Each structure stands twice: as structure tokens, then as C-alpha cells.
Amino acid sequence: MIHIKALFLIGLITLSINSYAQVDSLENKKSFMWIGITGGIGGEVVKDVVSPIIKLDLRLMKEEKYKIRLGTQINYFFEEGLNNNFNTFINTFISSEYLIFNKKEKDWNGLGFGYLIKNHGNYYGENTFKITFIKSIKTIEIKGELIFIDNFKSVFPGFSITFGIN
């Protein structure tokens, strides 16, 4: 429980941190490069199980052009154990993502790659990777995923939705 509280507090503190630097472009017009820490909470469907998630990213963003994010996503799985108590299995991915701004629809689209660095329970296997297809609209982010387990021996789809600063 301390793990969840600490992540929540870190998330609240870092969600308020967003700094930017003003740079000159080739046309000598002012544009902005944003560097910040972003995060969100949401849910993911993995193997017909809904898992709450917390994500935290370091983001580099060129205003209305592209975003590059390096981050982590923590999945929480719950199973009923002995004596009607619940066991919590925490799985952690690290990821890199690249998104491009769609001026026509005013949203972000991109691709990402993730690797499982902490595995508990039987939801994932050894050497688990995922490729994500990202759609981000304001504070909502939707991801379709292909998850590869055991060195690409098995593959299954995933789906997540998060709310926060994207």
C-alpha cells in the first residue's frame, strides 16, 4: 500500500512540474520546446483481465509538431487468495514513444515500444515486449497494444486508456 501512496504523491507533485525553453527557429520565429514530467492513471485489458495502471513519463515536446517520451507504466493485478484475501501482482514496463501532432484533427498519433522490467504473477512471461499504437486527445490517451512474451513465442492484444497530462 505504501508503494501506491508514494507513486500517487510523486504523480501529484510531478504533474504540476512543466517547464519550457524558448528557442529560435530557422525562420527566426519564436517556437517552444517543452520539457516536462507527465503522468496519468487508467486501466488496461490484458488477457481478459482489467488492470489499473499508473504511468509517469519524461517528455520532450516541440509545440504542435512532435513528442518524445521515455517513461514507465505500472500494472496492478489482483487475485483472490486463501482466506478471501487478495494478492497484488505489480508489473512494470519501461517504454519509449514518439508522437506526431495531427493539425487537421488537433490530436496526437504515435508508436511506442515497451519492455517488462518487473514481472509478478502469471500475466506475462520472460522477455516480454510490447508495441503500442497511440491516439492522444487532450487529457485522454488510448493505446492498442501487441504484447510479445517468451522471446516472441506468443503474442496477444492489449488495450489501455489513461487520463492525465499527456
C-alpha atoms as a PDB file:
ATOM      1  CA  MET A   1       0.000   0.000   0.000  1.00  0.00           C
ATOM      2  CA  ILE A   2       2.939   2.321   0.663  1.00  0.00           C
ATOM      3  CA  HIS A   3       4.051   1.745  -2.949  1.00  0.00           C
ATOM      4  CA  ILE A   4       0.718   3.051  -4.292  1.00  0.00           C
ATOM      5  CA  LYS A   5       0.671   6.058  -1.938  1.00  0.00           C
ATOM      6  CA  ALA A   6       4.239   7.022  -2.830  1.00  0.00           C
ATOM      7  CA  LEU A   7       3.526   6.823  -6.560  1.00  0.00           C
ATOM      8  CA  PHE A   8       0.365   8.881  -6.104  1.00  0.00           C
ATOM      9  CA  LEU A   9       2.247  11.608  -4.219  1.00  0.00           C
ATOM     10  CA  ILE A  10       5.078  11.621  -6.759  1.00  0.00           C
ATOM     11  CA  GLY A  11       2.477  11.843  -9.521  1.00  0.00           C
ATOM     12  CA  LEU A  12       0.725  14.807  -7.907  1.00  0.00           C
ATOM     13  CA  ILE A  13       3.991  16.659  -7.416  1.00  0.00           C
ATOM     14  CA  THR A  14       5.360  15.942 -10.880  1.00  0.00           C
ATOM     15  CA  LEU A  15       2.123  16.624 -12.722  1.00  0.00           C
ATOM     16  CA  SER A  16       2.476  20.232 -11.642  1.00  0.00           C
ATOM     17  CA  ILE A  17       6.045  20.459 -12.985  1.00  0.00           C
ATOM     18  CA  ASN A  18       6.241  21.521 -16.615  1.00  0.00           C
ATOM     19  CA  SER A  19       8.983  23.804 -17.808  1.00  0.00           C
ATOM     20  CA  TYR A  20       9.751  25.141 -21.244  1.00  0.00           C
ATOM     21  CA  ALA A  21      12.545  26.837 -23.111  1.00  0.00           C
ATOM     22  CA  GLN A  22      12.074  29.360 -25.889  1.00  0.00           C
ATOM     23  CA  VAL A  23      14.209  28.763 -28.969  1.00  0.00           C
ATOM     24  CA  ASP A  24      14.628  30.483 -32.336  1.00  0.00           C
ATOM     25  CA  SER A  25      13.624  28.543 -35.432  1.00  0.00           C
ATOM     26  CA  LEU A  26      15.248  28.833 -38.853  1.00  0.00           C
ATOM     27  CA  GLU A  27      12.625  31.357 -39.933  1.00  0.00           C
ATOM     28  CA  ASN A  28      13.590  33.453 -36.876  1.00  0.00           C
ATOM     29  CA  LYS A  29      10.109  32.979 -35.432  1.00  0.00           C
ATOM     30  CA  LYS A  30       9.669  32.059 -31.799  1.00  0.00           C
ATOM     31  CA  SER A  31       8.639  28.492 -31.037  1.00  0.00           C
ATOM     32  CA  PHE A  32       8.661  26.461 -27.865  1.00  0.00           C
ATOM     33  CA  MET A  33      10.384  23.278 -26.801  1.00  0.00           C
ATOM     34  CA  TRP A  34       8.690  21.806 -23.733  1.00  0.00           C
ATOM     35  CA  ILE A  35      10.495  19.547 -21.301  1.00  0.00           C
ATOM     36  CA  GLY A  36       8.390  18.112 -18.528  1.00  0.00           C
ATOM     37  CA  ILE A  37       7.284  15.236 -16.406  1.00  0.00           C
ATOM     38  CA  THR A  38       3.804  13.974 -17.171  1.00  0.00           C
ATOM     39  CA  GLY A  39       1.646  11.201 -15.855  1.00  0.00           C
ATOM     40  CA  GLY A  40      -1.725   9.623 -15.652  1.00  0.00           C
ATOM     41  CA  ILE A  41      -3.919   6.879 -14.284  1.00  0.00           C
ATOM     42  CA  GLY A  42      -6.176   4.483 -16.119  1.00  0.00           C
ATOM     43  CA  GLY A  43      -6.873   0.887 -16.958  1.00  0.00           C
ATOM     44  CA  GLU A  44      -5.589  -1.789 -19.270  1.00  0.00           C
ATOM     45  CA  VAL A  45      -7.163  -5.008 -20.531  1.00  0.00           C
ATOM     46  CA  VAL A  46      -4.636  -7.863 -20.586  1.00  0.00           C
ATOM     47  CA  LYS A  47      -5.717 -11.484 -21.192  1.00  0.00           C
ATOM     48  CA  ASP A  48      -9.371 -10.636 -20.409  1.00  0.00           C
ATOM     49  CA  VAL A  49      -8.373  -9.043 -17.086  1.00  0.00           C
ATOM     50  CA  VAL A  50      -8.780  -5.340 -16.320  1.00  0.00           C
ATOM     51  CA  SER A  51      -5.729  -3.893 -14.595  1.00  0.00           C
ATOM     52  CA  PRO A  52      -5.414  -0.423 -13.037  1.00  0.00           C
ATOM     53  CA  ILE A  53      -2.318   1.417 -14.299  1.00  0.00           C
ATOM     54  CA  ILE A  54      -0.192   4.372 -13.274  1.00  0.00           C
ATOM     55  CA  LYS A  55       2.170   5.968 -15.785  1.00  0.00           C
ATOM     56  CA  LEU A  56       4.937   8.519 -15.423  1.00  0.00           C
ATOM     57  CA  ASP A  57       6.866   9.995 -18.378  1.00  0.00           C
ATOM     58  CA  LEU A  58       9.703  12.362 -19.127  1.00  0.00           C
ATOM     59  CA  ARG A  59       8.526  14.300 -22.173  1.00  0.00           C
ATOM     60  CA  LEU A  60      10.274  16.446 -24.776  1.00  0.00           C
ATOM     61  CA  MET A  61       7.752  18.219 -26.982  1.00  0.00           C
ATOM     62  CA  LYS A  62       8.090  20.615 -29.901  1.00  0.00           C
ATOM     63  CA  GLU A  63       4.898  22.681 -29.798  1.00  0.00           C
ATOM     64  CA  GLU A  64       2.310  21.246 -32.228  1.00  0.00           C
ATOM     65  CA  LYS A  65       4.912  19.111 -34.026  1.00  0.00           C
ATOM     66  CA  TYR A  66       6.152  16.058 -32.086  1.00  0.00           C
ATOM     67  CA  LYS A  67       6.595  14.474 -28.649  1.00  0.00           C
ATOM     68  CA  ILE A  68       9.248  12.073 -27.463  1.00  0.00           C
ATOM     69  CA  ARG A  69       8.505  10.291 -24.208  1.00  0.00           C
ATOM     70  CA  LEU A  70      10.545   7.977 -22.007  1.00  0.00           C
ATOM     71  CA  GLY A  71       8.564   6.502 -19.196  1.00  0.00           C
ATOM     72  CA  THR A  72       7.247   3.775 -17.021  1.00  0.00           C
ATOM     73  CA  GLN A  73       3.874   2.088 -16.657  1.00  0.00           C
ATOM     74  CA  ILE A  74       2.907   0.102 -13.588  1.00  0.00           C
ATOM     75  CA  ASN A  75       0.119  -2.503 -13.872  1.00  0.00           C
ATOM     76  CA  TYR A  76      -1.683  -3.818 -10.788  1.00  0.00           C
ATOM     77  CA  PHE A  77      -3.304  -7.253 -10.960  1.00  0.00           C
ATOM     78  CA  PHE A  78      -5.413  -8.625  -8.106  1.00  0.00           C
ATOM     79  CA  GLU A  79      -6.246 -12.268  -7.396  1.00  0.00           C
ATOM     80  CA  GLU A  80      -8.254 -13.782  -4.603  1.00  0.00           C
ATOM     81  CA  GLY A  81      -6.001 -15.827  -2.348  1.00  0.00           C
ATOM     82  CA  LEU A  82      -6.539 -18.055   0.655  1.00  0.00           C
ATOM     83  CA  ASN A  83      -8.937 -16.915   3.401  1.00  0.00           C
ATOM     84  CA  ASN A  84     -10.701 -14.498   0.986  1.00  0.00           C
ATOM     85  CA  ASN A  85      -7.805 -12.034   0.972  1.00  0.00           C
ATOM     86  CA  PHE A  86      -6.431 -10.541  -2.223  1.00  0.00           C
ATOM     87  CA  ASN A  87      -2.911 -10.818  -3.603  1.00  0.00           C
ATOM     88  CA  THR A  88      -1.494  -7.897  -5.581  1.00  0.00           C
ATOM     89  CA  PHE A  89       0.848  -8.522  -8.501  1.00  0.00           C
ATOM     90  CA  ILE A  90       2.765  -5.470  -9.698  1.00  0.00           C
ATOM     91  CA  ASN A  91       4.258  -5.482 -13.194  1.00  0.00           C
ATOM     92  CA  THR A  92       6.375  -2.601 -14.510  1.00  0.00           C
ATOM     93  CA  PHE A  93       7.178  -1.655 -18.096  1.00  0.00           C
ATOM     94  CA  ILE A  94       9.649   0.928 -19.344  1.00  0.00           C
ATOM     95  CA  SER A  95       8.852   2.497 -22.694  1.00  0.00           C
ATOM     96  CA  SER A  96       9.832   4.971 -25.362  1.00  0.00           C
ATOM     97  CA  GLU A  97       7.210   6.654 -27.529  1.00  0.00           C
ATOM     98  CA  TYR A  98       7.172   9.027 -30.490  1.00  0.00           C
ATOM     99  CA  LEU A  99       4.027  11.015 -31.323  1.00  0.00           C
ATOM    100  CA  ILE A 100       3.247  13.421 -34.169  1.00  0.00           C
ATOM    101  CA  PHE A 101       0.679  16.209 -33.959  1.00  0.00           C
ATOM    102  CA  ASN A 102      -2.212  15.972 -36.430  1.00  0.00           C
ATOM    103  CA  LYS A 103      -3.114  19.619 -37.196  1.00  0.00           C
ATOM    104  CA  LYS A 104      -6.315  18.705 -39.030  1.00  0.00           C
ATOM    105  CA  GLU A 105      -7.846  16.739 -36.143  1.00  0.00           C
ATOM    106  CA  LYS A 106      -5.947  18.546 -33.329  1.00  0.00           C
ATOM    107  CA  ASP A 107      -4.713  15.320 -31.720  1.00  0.00           C
ATOM    108  CA  TRP A 108      -1.546  13.217 -31.375  1.00  0.00           C
ATOM    109  CA  ASN A 109      -0.800   9.858 -33.024  1.00  0.00           C
ATOM    110  CA  GLY A 110       2.235   7.710 -32.452  1.00  0.00           C
ATOM    111  CA  LEU A 111       4.062   4.465 -31.812  1.00  0.00           C
ATOM    112  CA  GLY A 112       5.808   3.109 -28.770  1.00  0.00           C
ATOM    113  CA  PHE A 113       7.947   0.225 -27.633  1.00  0.00           C
ATOM    114  CA  GLY A 114       7.937  -1.200 -24.096  1.00  0.00           C
ATOM    115  CA  TYR A 115       9.874  -3.827 -22.166  1.00  0.00           C
ATOM    116  CA  LEU A 116       8.777  -5.575 -18.954  1.00  0.00           C
ATOM    117  CA  ILE A 117      11.366  -4.957 -16.215  1.00  0.00           C
ATOM    118  CA  LYS A 118       9.408  -6.258 -13.199  1.00  0.00           C
ATOM    119  CA  ASN A 119       7.253  -9.370 -13.563  1.00  0.00           C
ATOM    120  CA  HIS A 120       4.975 -10.802 -10.857  1.00  0.00           C
ATOM    121  CA  GLY A 121       2.169 -13.290 -11.323  1.00  0.00           C
ATOM    122  CA  ASN A 122       1.322 -15.259 -14.435  1.00  0.00           C
ATOM    123  CA  TYR A 123       0.115 -12.402 -16.662  1.00  0.00           C
ATOM    124  CA  TYR A 124       3.322 -12.015 -18.623  1.00  0.00           C
ATOM    125  CA  GLY A 125       6.311 -14.252 -19.327  1.00  0.00           C
ATOM    126  CA  GLU A 126      10.044 -13.962 -19.623  1.00  0.00           C
ATOM    127  CA  ASN A 127      11.345 -11.319 -22.041  1.00  0.00           C
ATOM    128  CA  THR A 128       8.030  -9.547 -22.590  1.00  0.00           C
ATOM    129  CA  PHE A 129       7.903  -6.711 -25.136  1.00  0.00           C
ATOM    130  CA  LYS A 130       5.041  -4.605 -26.392  1.00  0.00           C
ATOM    131  CA  ILE A 131       4.421  -2.396 -29.381  1.00  0.00           C
ATOM    132  CA  THR A 132       1.826   0.305 -28.844  1.00  0.00           C
ATOM    133  CA  PHE A 133      -0.279   2.341 -31.253  1.00  0.00           C
ATOM    134  CA  ILE A 134      -1.195   5.635 -29.581  1.00  0.00           C
ATOM    135  CA  LYS A 135      -4.040   8.136 -30.000  1.00  0.00           C
ATOM    136  CA  SER A 136      -3.946  11.090 -27.601  1.00  0.00           C
ATOM    137  CA  ILE A 137      -6.736  13.671 -27.412  1.00  0.00           C
ATOM    138  CA  LYS A 138      -6.328  16.415 -24.777  1.00  0.00           C
ATOM    139  CA  THR A 139      -6.118  14.550 -21.446  1.00  0.00           C
ATOM    140  CA  ILE A 140      -7.233  11.111 -22.727  1.00  0.00           C
ATOM    141  CA  GLU A 141      -4.863   8.600 -24.264  1.00  0.00           C
ATOM    142  CA  ILE A 142      -5.944   5.372 -25.958  1.00  0.00           C
ATOM    143  CA  LYS A 143      -3.438   2.627 -26.794  1.00  0.00           C
ATOM    144  CA  GLY A 144      -3.796  -0.541 -28.791  1.00  0.00           C
ATOM    145  CA  GLU A 145      -1.017  -2.985 -27.976  1.00  0.00           C
ATOM    146  CA  LEU A 146       0.613  -6.109 -29.291  1.00  0.00           C
ATOM    147  CA  ILE A 147       2.300  -7.929 -26.409  1.00  0.00           C
ATOM    148  CA  PHE A 148       5.014 -10.479 -27.177  1.00  0.00           C
ATOM    149  CA  ILE A 149       6.037 -12.980 -24.500  1.00  0.00           C
ATOM    150  CA  ASP A 150       8.836 -15.527 -24.140  1.00  0.00           C
ATOM    151  CA  ASN A 151      11.060 -14.111 -26.885  1.00  0.00           C
ATOM    152  CA  PHE A 152       8.191 -13.643 -29.361  1.00  0.00           C
ATOM    153  CA  LYS A 153       6.867 -17.230 -28.948  1.00  0.00           C
ATOM    154  CA  SER A 154       3.422 -15.964 -28.026  1.00  0.00           C
ATOM    155  CA  VAL A 155       1.528 -12.764 -28.871  1.00  0.00           C
ATOM    156  CA  PHE A 156      -1.750 -11.307 -27.646  1.00  0.00           C
ATOM    157  CA  PRO A 157      -3.518  -7.947 -27.902  1.00  0.00           C
ATOM    158  CA  GLY A 158      -3.909  -5.374 -25.168  1.00  0.00           C
ATOM    159  CA  PHE A 159      -5.844  -2.146 -24.823  1.00  0.00           C
ATOM    160  CA  SER A 160      -5.404   0.743 -22.404  1.00  0.00           C
ATOM    161  CA  ILE A 161      -6.935   4.106 -21.665  1.00  0.00           C
ATOM    162  CA  THR A 162      -5.343   6.705 -19.391  1.00  0.00           C
ATOM    163  CA  PHE A 163      -6.358  10.095 -18.092  1.00  0.00           C
ATOM    164  CA  GLY A 164      -3.860  12.777 -17.142  1.00  0.00           C
ATOM    165  CA  ILE A 165      -1.329  15.100 -18.681  1.00  0.00           C
ATOM    166  CA  ASN A 166      -0.239  13.513 -21.945  1.00  0.00           C
END
